Structure formats: C-alpha cells, structure tokens
Amino acid sequence: MTDFSKILEKAKELEKKMKESQEAIKKIEVIGNSGGDLVKVKLNGEGEMISIVISEKLLKEEKNIIEDLIKAAYNNAKSSLKSKTTEEISKNAGNFGLPGFKWPL
C-alpha cells in the first residue's frame, strides 16, 4: 500500500509540474523567417500566428514566391516552437523518469 501512495504522490507532483509547464509554454514566442528575413512570422506558445512582417522588397515578386516564403517562415517558426515546448516539458518531466517525453505539437 505504501508503494501506491508514493505513486499517487508522484503523479500529483507531475500533474503540478505539467500545469506549470503549460503556463510557461503559453508565454513562449518564437520568430521564423525566410528569404533572408524578407518574411518574418511570430507564433505564440499555442501555435497561433501573432504577427507577420513582409518586406517591401518582396512585394515586387510574383505571388507564388511570396506564398512560398510565407509558408517557409511559418514552418521555421513552428519548428522552433516545437523545440522550445519540448525543452520546457523535458525540464519538468525529466525529473519523473520520463526520458524522451515529447510534447504533441
């Protein structure tokens, strides 16, 4: 019975740490760019785009080039966000014997 109470205690502690991580993740902001900074996309910790900056120089290009650079900047930001959220979760989950835990983004 003692083992079960220890497991339950660890589970409650892990739940608390995960909630803390979720709050910290919400505050994360990442910037992705493409085309040598012609396009910059900023995402928050929930993956929502909070800003996009397109250089005036780029507006002279063809529409499909602009679209491709926007997608590339977004994907760059999304990749950075995934790394940062995984790092945040691992900081807390790593202490509970959950090696390689990955945040589902």
N, C-alpha and C. Protein backbone atom coordinates (compact mmCIF):
# COMPACT_ATOMS: atom_id res chain seq x y z
N MET A 1 0.82 -1.20 0.00
CA MET A 1 0.00 0.00 0.00
C MET A 1 0.86 1.26 0.00
N THR A 2 1.99 1.20 0.62
CA THR A 2 2.88 2.34 0.66
C THR A 2 3.36 2.71 -0.74
N ASP A 3 3.64 1.70 -1.55
CA ASP A 3 4.10 1.97 -2.92
C ASP A 3 3.03 2.72 -3.71
N PHE A 4 1.77 2.35 -3.52
CA PHE A 4 0.69 3.02 -4.24
C PHE A 4 0.59 4.48 -3.82
N SER A 5 0.75 4.75 -2.54
CA SER A 5 0.67 6.14 -2.07
C SER A 5 1.84 6.96 -2.62
N LYS A 6 3.01 6.33 -2.76
CA LYS A 6 4.15 7.04 -3.34
C LYS A 6 3.89 7.33 -4.82
N ILE A 7 3.32 6.38 -5.50
CA ILE A 7 2.99 6.56 -6.92
C ILE A 7 1.98 7.69 -7.07
N LEU A 8 0.97 7.69 -6.23
CA LEU A 8 -0.05 8.73 -6.28
C LEU A 8 0.55 10.10 -5.98
N GLU A 9 1.45 10.14 -5.01
CA GLU A 9 2.12 11.40 -4.67
C GLU A 9 2.95 11.91 -5.85
N LYS A 10 3.67 11.01 -6.51
CA LYS A 10 4.47 11.39 -7.68
C LYS A 10 3.57 11.86 -8.81
N ALA A 11 2.44 11.21 -8.99
CA ALA A 11 1.50 11.59 -10.05
C ALA A 11 0.97 13.00 -9.81
N LYS A 12 0.65 13.32 -8.56
CA LYS A 12 0.17 14.66 -8.23
C LYS A 12 1.26 15.70 -8.46
N GLU A 13 2.48 15.35 -8.10
CA GLU A 13 3.60 16.25 -8.31
C GLU A 13 3.84 16.48 -9.81
N LEU A 14 3.75 15.41 -10.59
CA LEU A 14 3.91 15.52 -12.04
C LEU A 14 2.81 16.37 -12.64
N GLU A 15 1.58 16.19 -12.17
CA GLU A 15 0.46 16.99 -12.67
C GLU A 15 0.72 18.49 -12.41
N LYS A 16 1.21 18.80 -11.23
CA LYS A 16 1.51 20.19 -10.88
C LYS A 16 2.60 20.75 -11.79
N LYS A 17 3.66 19.97 -12.02
CA LYS A 17 4.75 20.41 -12.88
C LYS A 17 4.28 20.60 -14.32
N MET A 18 3.39 19.72 -14.78
CA MET A 18 2.89 19.83 -16.15
C MET A 18 2.03 21.08 -16.30
N LYS A 19 1.24 21.41 -15.29
CA LYS A 19 0.45 22.64 -15.34
C LYS A 19 1.35 23.86 -15.39
N GLU A 20 2.42 23.83 -14.61
CA GLU A 20 3.39 24.92 -14.64
C GLU A 20 4.02 25.04 -16.02
N SER A 21 4.34 23.91 -16.62
CA SER A 21 4.93 23.91 -17.96
C SER A 21 3.95 24.47 -18.98
N GLN A 22 2.68 24.09 -18.87
CA GLN A 22 1.68 24.60 -19.80
C GLN A 22 1.56 26.11 -19.71
N GLU A 23 1.63 26.65 -18.51
CA GLU A 23 1.57 28.10 -18.34
C GLU A 23 2.81 28.77 -18.93
N ALA A 24 3.96 28.15 -18.72
CA ALA A 24 5.20 28.70 -19.27
C ALA A 24 5.18 28.65 -20.80
N ILE A 25 4.64 27.58 -21.35
CA ILE A 25 4.56 27.43 -22.80
C ILE A 25 3.69 28.52 -23.42
N LYS A 26 2.61 28.87 -22.75
CA LYS A 26 1.73 29.91 -23.28
C LYS A 26 2.48 31.24 -23.47
N LYS A 27 3.52 31.46 -22.67
CA LYS A 27 4.27 32.72 -22.73
C LYS A 27 5.39 32.71 -23.77
N ILE A 28 5.65 31.55 -24.34
CA ILE A 28 6.72 31.45 -25.34
C ILE A 28 6.31 32.19 -26.61
N GLU A 29 7.27 32.87 -27.20
CA GLU A 29 7.09 33.48 -28.52
C GLU A 29 8.31 33.13 -29.35
N VAL A 30 8.08 32.71 -30.60
CA VAL A 30 9.18 32.38 -31.50
C VAL A 30 8.98 33.13 -32.81
N ILE A 31 10.09 33.39 -33.48
CA ILE A 31 10.04 34.06 -34.78
C ILE A 31 10.70 33.14 -35.80
N GLY A 32 9.98 32.92 -36.89
CA GLY A 32 10.53 32.18 -38.01
C GLY A 32 10.73 33.15 -39.16
N ASN A 33 11.76 32.89 -39.96
CA ASN A 33 11.99 33.78 -41.09
C ASN A 33 12.35 32.98 -42.32
N SER A 34 12.29 33.66 -43.46
CA SER A 34 12.68 33.05 -44.72
C SER A 34 13.11 34.14 -45.68
N GLY A 35 13.77 33.72 -46.73
CA GLY A 35 14.21 34.67 -47.75
C GLY A 35 15.17 35.71 -47.22
N GLY A 36 16.04 35.31 -46.31
CA GLY A 36 16.98 36.28 -45.75
C GLY A 36 16.26 37.39 -45.00
N ASP A 37 15.28 37.02 -44.21
CA ASP A 37 14.49 37.95 -43.40
C ASP A 37 13.50 38.80 -44.21
N LEU A 38 13.18 38.37 -45.42
CA LEU A 38 12.16 39.08 -46.20
C LEU A 38 10.78 38.84 -45.61
N VAL A 39 10.61 37.67 -44.96
CA VAL A 39 9.35 37.34 -44.29
C VAL A 39 9.68 36.88 -42.88
N LYS A 40 8.96 37.44 -41.91
CA LYS A 40 9.10 37.03 -40.51
C LYS A 40 7.71 36.73 -39.96
N VAL A 41 7.61 35.59 -39.29
CA VAL A 41 6.35 35.16 -38.70
C VAL A 41 6.58 34.92 -37.22
N LYS A 42 5.72 35.48 -36.38
CA LYS A 42 5.83 35.27 -34.93
C LYS A 42 4.65 34.43 -34.46
N LEU A 43 4.98 33.36 -33.71
CA LEU A 43 3.96 32.48 -33.13
C LEU A 43 4.04 32.54 -31.62
N ASN A 44 2.88 32.35 -30.99
CA ASN A 44 2.89 32.24 -29.53
C ASN A 44 3.00 30.76 -29.17
N GLY A 45 3.04 30.47 -27.89
CA GLY A 45 3.23 29.11 -27.41
C GLY A 45 2.12 28.14 -27.78
N GLU A 46 0.99 28.66 -28.18
CA GLU A 46 -0.11 27.80 -28.59
C GLU A 46 -0.15 27.60 -30.11
N GLY A 47 0.88 28.11 -30.78
CA GLY A 47 0.98 27.93 -32.22
C GLY A 47 0.17 28.91 -33.05
N GLU A 48 -0.38 29.93 -32.38
CA GLU A 48 -1.15 30.93 -33.11
C GLU A 48 -0.20 31.99 -33.66
N MET A 49 -0.45 32.39 -34.91
CA MET A 49 0.36 33.43 -35.52
C MET A 49 -0.07 34.76 -34.92
N ILE A 50 0.90 35.48 -34.34
CA ILE A 50 0.55 36.77 -33.73
C ILE A 50 1.05 37.95 -34.55
N SER A 51 1.96 37.67 -35.48
CA SER A 51 2.34 38.74 -36.41
C SER A 51 3.04 38.16 -37.63
N ILE A 52 2.99 38.92 -38.69
CA ILE A 52 3.72 38.58 -39.91
C ILE A 52 4.25 39.88 -40.49
N VAL A 53 5.51 39.87 -40.87
CA VAL A 53 6.14 41.05 -41.46
C VAL A 53 6.68 40.64 -42.82
N ILE A 54 6.25 41.37 -43.85
CA ILE A 54 6.71 41.10 -45.21
C ILE A 54 7.44 42.34 -45.70
N SER A 55 8.68 42.17 -46.13
CA SER A 55 9.49 43.27 -46.61
C SER A 55 8.87 43.89 -47.86
N GLU A 56 8.99 45.19 -47.96
CA GLU A 56 8.52 45.91 -49.15
C GLU A 56 9.19 45.37 -50.42
N LYS A 57 10.46 44.98 -50.30
CA LYS A 57 11.20 44.44 -51.45
C LYS A 57 10.51 43.21 -52.03
N LEU A 58 9.94 42.40 -51.15
CA LEU A 58 9.32 41.15 -51.58
C LEU A 58 8.02 41.39 -52.35
N LEU A 59 7.35 42.47 -52.08
CA LEU A 59 6.06 42.73 -52.71
C LEU A 59 6.16 42.91 -54.22
N LYS A 60 7.36 43.09 -54.72
CA LYS A 60 7.57 43.22 -56.16
C LYS A 60 7.65 41.85 -56.85
N GLU A 61 7.77 40.80 -56.05
CA GLU A 61 7.90 39.44 -56.58
C GLU A 61 6.54 38.86 -56.98
N GLU A 62 6.61 37.72 -57.65
CA GLU A 62 5.39 37.02 -58.05
C GLU A 62 4.69 36.45 -56.83
N LYS A 63 3.39 36.32 -56.95
CA LYS A 63 2.55 35.85 -55.85
C LYS A 63 2.99 34.50 -55.31
N ASN A 64 3.32 33.55 -56.18
CA ASN A 64 3.70 32.21 -55.71
C ASN A 64 5.01 32.23 -54.91
N ILE A 65 5.91 33.14 -55.23
CA ILE A 65 7.16 33.26 -54.46
C ILE A 65 6.85 33.78 -53.06
N ILE A 66 5.99 34.79 -52.99
CA ILE A 66 5.60 35.35 -51.68
C ILE A 66 4.92 34.27 -50.84
N GLU A 67 4.01 33.53 -51.44
CA GLU A 67 3.31 32.46 -50.71
C GLU A 67 4.29 31.42 -50.18
N ASP A 68 5.26 31.02 -51.02
CA ASP A 68 6.25 30.02 -50.59
C ASP A 68 7.10 30.54 -49.43
N LEU A 69 7.47 31.81 -49.48
CA LEU A 69 8.28 32.37 -48.39
C LEU A 69 7.49 32.51 -47.09
N ILE A 70 6.20 32.79 -47.21
CA ILE A 70 5.35 32.84 -46.01
C ILE A 70 5.25 31.45 -45.38
N LYS A 71 5.02 30.45 -46.21
CA LYS A 71 4.95 29.07 -45.69
C LYS A 71 6.28 28.66 -45.05
N ALA A 72 7.38 29.01 -45.69
CA ALA A 72 8.70 28.65 -45.15
C ALA A 72 8.95 29.33 -43.81
N ALA A 73 8.58 30.60 -43.69
CA ALA A 73 8.77 31.31 -42.42
C ALA A 73 7.89 30.71 -41.33
N TYR A 74 6.65 30.36 -41.67
CA TYR A 74 5.76 29.73 -40.70
C TYR A 74 6.33 28.39 -40.24
N ASN A 75 6.78 27.57 -41.19
CA ASN A 75 7.34 26.26 -40.84
C ASN A 75 8.60 26.40 -39.99
N ASN A 76 9.39 27.42 -40.26
CA ASN A 76 10.57 27.69 -39.46
C ASN A 76 10.19 28.03 -38.02
N ALA A 77 9.18 28.88 -37.88
CA ALA A 77 8.70 29.25 -36.54
C ALA A 77 8.10 28.05 -35.82
N LYS A 78 7.33 27.25 -36.54
CA LYS A 78 6.70 26.06 -35.95
C LYS A 78 7.76 25.08 -35.43
N SER A 79 8.83 24.92 -36.18
CA SER A 79 9.92 24.05 -35.76
C SER A 79 10.59 24.57 -34.48
N SER A 80 10.81 25.88 -34.43
CA SER A 80 11.40 26.49 -33.22
C SER A 80 10.47 26.32 -32.03
N LEU A 81 9.18 26.49 -32.26
CA LEU A 81 8.21 26.35 -31.18
C LEU A 81 8.20 24.92 -30.64
N LYS A 82 8.26 23.96 -31.54
CA LYS A 82 8.27 22.55 -31.13
C LYS A 82 9.49 22.27 -30.25
N SER A 83 10.64 22.79 -30.64
CA SER A 83 11.86 22.59 -29.86
C SER A 83 11.75 23.23 -28.48
N LYS A 84 11.23 24.45 -28.44
CA LYS A 84 11.13 25.15 -27.15
C LYS A 84 10.11 24.50 -26.23
N THR A 85 8.98 24.04 -26.78
CA THR A 85 7.99 23.41 -25.91
C THR A 85 8.49 22.05 -25.41
N THR A 86 9.17 21.31 -26.26
CA THR A 86 9.75 20.03 -25.84
C THR A 86 10.77 20.25 -24.74
N GLU A 87 11.57 21.29 -24.90
CA GLU A 87 12.57 21.62 -23.89
C GLU A 87 11.91 21.98 -22.56
N GLU A 88 10.85 22.76 -22.61
CA GLU A 88 10.13 23.18 -21.40
C GLU A 88 9.53 21.97 -20.69
N ILE A 89 8.90 21.09 -21.43
CA ILE A 89 8.29 19.90 -20.84
C ILE A 89 9.36 18.98 -20.28
N SER A 90 10.44 18.82 -21.01
CA SER A 90 11.51 17.92 -20.56
C SER A 90 12.15 18.39 -19.26
N LYS A 91 12.20 19.70 -19.07
CA LYS A 91 12.76 20.23 -17.82
C LYS A 91 12.00 19.66 -16.63
N ASN A 92 10.69 19.59 -16.74
CA ASN A 92 9.87 19.10 -15.63
C ASN A 92 9.65 17.60 -15.68
N ALA A 93 9.37 17.07 -16.83
CA ALA A 93 9.07 15.64 -16.94
C ALA A 93 10.32 14.79 -16.74
N GLY A 94 11.48 15.34 -17.07
CA GLY A 94 12.73 14.59 -16.94
C GLY A 94 13.00 14.14 -15.52
N ASN A 95 12.49 14.89 -14.56
CA ASN A 95 12.70 14.54 -13.15
C ASN A 95 11.82 13.38 -12.70
N PHE A 96 10.93 12.95 -13.56
CA PHE A 96 9.99 11.90 -13.16
C PHE A 96 10.22 10.61 -13.93
N GLY A 97 11.39 10.44 -14.48
CA GLY A 97 11.69 9.21 -15.17
C GLY A 97 10.91 9.05 -16.47
N LEU A 98 10.71 10.14 -17.19
CA LEU A 98 10.02 10.09 -18.48
C LEU A 98 10.99 10.56 -19.57
N PRO A 99 12.07 9.81 -19.77
CA PRO A 99 13.06 10.25 -20.77
C PRO A 99 12.46 10.26 -22.17
N GLY A 100 12.86 11.26 -22.92
CA GLY A 100 12.39 11.33 -24.30
C GLY A 100 10.94 11.74 -24.44
N PHE A 101 10.34 12.23 -23.37
CA PHE A 101 8.95 12.67 -23.45
C PHE A 101 8.85 13.78 -24.48
N LYS A 102 7.86 13.66 -25.38
CA LYS A 102 7.71 14.67 -26.43
C LYS A 102 6.34 15.30 -26.34
N TRP A 103 6.35 16.61 -26.41
CA TRP A 103 5.10 17.37 -26.41
C TRP A 103 4.44 17.21 -27.76
N PRO A 104 3.14 16.88 -27.81
CA PRO A 104 2.48 16.62 -29.08
C PRO A 104 2.10 17.88 -29.85
N LEU A 105 3.04 18.41 -30.59
CA LEU A 105 2.78 19.59 -31.42
C LEU A 105 2.98 19.27 -32.85
